[in-house]
Amino acid sequence: GFTLVHFDPSRLPASIPSRIQQATNSIHQSETVTHTVSLDSTVSSATFNVSWEGSDLDLVLYKPDGTKIDPNSALVDPNTKYAERDTYEYYTVSDPNSGNWIMEVSGVNVPPEGEKYTIRVEADTNLVLFAFTDKPDYALTEHINISAQLANDENSVTDALVMAKVQRPDGSVD
């Protein structure tokens, strides 16, 4: 019932953004909600995004050292890009400091019932996870052996905790 798919990791793009955090919340007029996002030293670029259906929300970031990043400071910072449209705003930060970043979402023009929004943080990293099995085919009742190797560039990462979710054909997850 399982299909094993083998691939050549060398054919992957040089960088695949990883979603490191996503959350949905609600906000009201003049309210400010904060979200903490932890980045480690392997992150080479991070995008901090807030999106919503209507209304008007603002997003401000705070670096781990407390430095504020807003649309004006992003204009003069060569490592930060800012973009906004009617229903989203985001910052992309190159070479972000490791530590806890604060995303501050503010309700600028929100109806009385509030506005639902989603924050999403994606990061580029040199970490690569290789997963493989010990053989290409298994019998229906046979245990499947899955191995993994975590690497930073070309160096193995030791003592890392690697977890897997395996989805069965019926949709259940182990």
Protein backbone atom coordinates (compact mmCIF):
# COMPACT_ATOMS: atom_id res chain seq x y z
CA GLY A 1 0.00 0.00 0.00
CA PHE A 2 2.97 2.37 0.31
CA THR A 3 4.85 3.88 -2.60
CA LEU A 4 8.49 4.75 -2.05
CA VAL A 5 9.80 7.57 -4.15
CA HIS A 6 13.53 7.98 -4.66
CA PHE A 7 15.01 11.22 -5.88
CA ASP A 8 18.36 12.75 -6.66
CA PRO A 9 19.03 15.52 -4.07
CA SER A 10 21.56 17.15 -6.43
CA ARG A 11 18.62 18.08 -8.70
CA LEU A 12 16.97 20.18 -5.99
CA PRO A 13 17.20 23.97 -6.19
CA ALA A 14 20.10 25.52 -4.29
CA SER A 15 17.74 26.95 -1.70
CA ILE A 16 14.28 25.83 -0.64
CA PRO A 17 12.54 28.14 1.83
CA SER A 18 11.33 26.32 4.92
CA ARG A 19 8.23 27.46 6.76
CA ILE A 20 9.37 27.84 10.33
CA GLN A 21 6.26 29.38 11.82
CA GLN A 22 2.64 30.00 10.87
CA ALA A 23 -0.19 31.23 13.09
CA THR A 24 -3.68 32.62 12.66
CA ASN A 25 -5.15 35.17 15.05
CA SER A 26 -7.66 38.03 15.23
CA ILE A 27 -7.05 41.71 15.85
CA HIS A 28 -9.25 44.74 16.59
CA GLN A 29 -8.98 48.47 15.89
CA SER A 30 -5.90 50.06 17.55
CA GLU A 31 -4.85 46.69 19.02
CA THR A 32 -1.28 45.39 18.77
CA VAL A 33 -0.48 41.67 18.85
CA THR A 34 3.07 40.28 19.03
CA HIS A 35 4.46 36.97 17.82
CA THR A 36 7.93 35.66 18.74
CA VAL A 37 9.95 33.79 16.11
CA SER A 38 13.24 32.07 16.91
CA LEU A 39 15.93 31.98 14.22
CA ASP A 40 19.16 30.03 14.53
CA SER A 41 22.58 30.70 13.04
CA THR A 42 21.94 28.50 9.98
CA VAL A 43 19.34 30.95 8.57
CA SER A 44 20.74 32.99 5.67
CA SER A 45 17.50 34.82 4.81
CA ALA A 46 14.06 35.09 6.45
CA THR A 47 10.72 36.43 5.21
CA PHE A 48 8.23 37.69 7.80
CA ASN A 49 4.70 37.97 6.36
CA VAL A 50 1.27 39.03 7.61
CA SER A 51 -1.83 38.61 5.44
CA TRP A 52 -5.53 39.33 5.95
CA GLU A 53 -8.83 39.51 4.01
CA GLY A 54 -9.68 43.20 4.29
CA SER A 55 -9.08 46.09 6.70
CA ASP A 56 -5.66 47.68 7.13
CA LEU A 57 -2.95 46.13 9.29
CA ASP A 58 0.66 47.13 9.85
CA LEU A 59 3.68 44.91 10.53
CA VAL A 60 6.81 45.99 12.41
CA LEU A 61 9.75 43.72 13.30
CA TYR A 62 12.17 43.81 16.20
CA LYS A 63 15.57 42.16 15.91
CA PRO A 64 16.88 40.08 18.84
CA ASP A 65 18.87 43.16 20.00
CA GLY A 66 15.68 45.27 20.06
CA THR A 67 16.33 47.23 16.86
CA LYS A 68 13.05 48.19 15.19
CA ILE A 69 12.47 47.44 11.51
CA ASP A 70 9.63 49.35 9.86
CA PRO A 71 8.94 50.41 6.25
CA ASN A 72 11.08 53.56 6.62
CA SER A 73 14.12 51.80 8.10
CA ALA A 74 13.84 49.06 5.46
CA LEU A 75 14.35 51.71 2.75
CA VAL A 76 17.86 52.48 4.02
CA ASP A 77 18.91 48.99 5.15
CA PRO A 78 20.53 47.05 2.26
CA ASN A 79 19.80 43.73 4.05
CA THR A 80 16.05 44.37 4.37
CA LYS A 81 13.37 44.49 1.69
CA TYR A 82 9.79 45.54 2.43
CA ALA A 83 6.66 45.11 0.31
CA GLU A 84 2.98 45.72 0.90
CA ARG A 85 -0.31 45.37 -0.93
CA ASP A 86 -3.95 45.75 0.13
CA THR A 87 -4.05 42.44 2.02
CA TYR A 88 -0.45 41.66 3.02
CA GLU A 89 2.90 43.06 4.14
CA TYR A 90 6.26 41.37 4.40
CA TYR A 91 9.91 41.94 5.13
CA THR A 92 12.74 39.82 3.76
CA VAL A 93 15.89 40.06 5.86
CA SER A 94 19.26 38.81 4.57
CA ASP A 95 21.74 37.48 7.13
CA PRO A 96 19.33 37.86 10.07
CA ASN A 97 20.73 37.77 13.59
CA SER A 98 20.05 34.53 15.44
CA GLY A 99 17.74 34.77 18.42
CA ASN A 100 14.14 35.77 19.09
CA TRP A 101 12.55 38.12 16.56
CA ILE A 102 9.31 39.93 17.41
CA MET A 103 6.59 40.43 14.81
CA GLU A 104 4.27 43.24 15.91
CA VAL A 105 0.91 43.34 14.09
CA SER A 106 -1.23 46.47 14.56
CA GLY A 107 -4.87 47.09 13.67
CA VAL A 108 -4.91 50.38 11.73
CA ASN A 109 -8.39 50.35 10.17
CA VAL A 110 -10.37 47.33 11.41
CA PRO A 111 -14.15 46.82 11.62
CA PRO A 112 -15.79 46.38 15.07
CA GLU A 113 -15.95 42.58 14.71
CA GLY A 114 -12.17 42.45 14.20
CA GLU A 115 -10.00 41.02 11.43
CA LYS A 116 -8.57 37.53 11.12
CA TYR A 117 -4.94 37.46 9.97
CA THR A 118 -2.16 34.94 9.37
CA ILE A 119 1.53 35.37 10.06
CA ARG A 120 4.01 33.19 8.20
CA VAL A 121 7.79 33.06 8.48
CA GLU A 122 9.92 31.29 5.89
CA ALA A 123 13.68 30.91 6.00
CA ASP A 124 16.52 29.90 3.73
CA THR A 125 19.08 27.71 5.42
CA ASN A 126 22.04 25.54 4.50
CA LEU A 127 20.51 22.63 6.40
CA VAL A 128 19.52 19.69 4.22
CA LEU A 129 17.74 16.54 5.34
CA PHE A 130 18.33 13.38 3.34
CA ALA A 131 15.87 10.54 4.00
CA PHE A 132 16.18 7.09 2.50
CA THR A 133 15.19 3.45 2.95
CA ASP A 134 17.39 0.36 2.98
CA LYS A 135 15.66 -1.18 -0.06
CA PRO A 136 13.30 -0.04 -2.82
CA ASP A 137 10.35 -2.40 -2.17
CA TYR A 138 8.64 -3.82 0.93
CA ALA A 139 5.98 -6.47 1.46
CA LEU A 140 2.63 -5.28 2.83
CA THR A 141 3.27 -6.38 6.43
CA GLU A 142 7.01 -5.73 6.45
CA HIS A 143 8.49 -2.94 8.60
CA ILE A 144 9.91 -0.06 6.58
CA ASN A 145 13.31 1.16 7.72
CA ILE A 146 13.74 4.89 7.17
CA SER A 147 17.09 6.56 7.81
CA ALA A 148 17.92 10.25 7.75
CA GLN A 149 21.01 12.40 7.59
CA LEU A 150 20.97 16.09 8.52
CA ALA A 151 23.74 18.19 7.00
CA ASN A 152 24.79 21.82 7.14
CA ASP A 153 26.33 22.48 3.74
CA GLU A 154 28.33 19.26 3.32
CA ASN A 155 29.01 18.56 7.01
CA SER A 156 26.83 16.14 8.97
CA VAL A 157 25.02 17.61 11.97
CA THR A 158 25.52 15.37 14.98
CA ASP A 159 23.25 14.94 18.01
CA ALA A 160 20.27 16.42 16.12
CA LEU A 161 16.74 15.29 16.90
CA VAL A 162 15.04 14.38 13.60
CA MET A 163 11.35 13.46 13.63
CA ALA A 164 9.16 12.20 10.80
CA LYS A 165 5.44 12.09 10.10
CA VAL A 166 4.45 9.23 7.82
CA GLN A 167 1.11 9.54 6.05
CA ARG A 168 -0.64 6.25 5.30
CA PRO A 169 -2.72 5.74 2.14
CA ASP A 170 -5.90 6.14 4.27
CA GLY A 171 -4.74 9.63 5.31
CA SER A 172 -3.83 8.74 8.90
CA VAL A 173 -0.45 9.91 10.17
CA ASP A 174 2.12 8.10 12.30
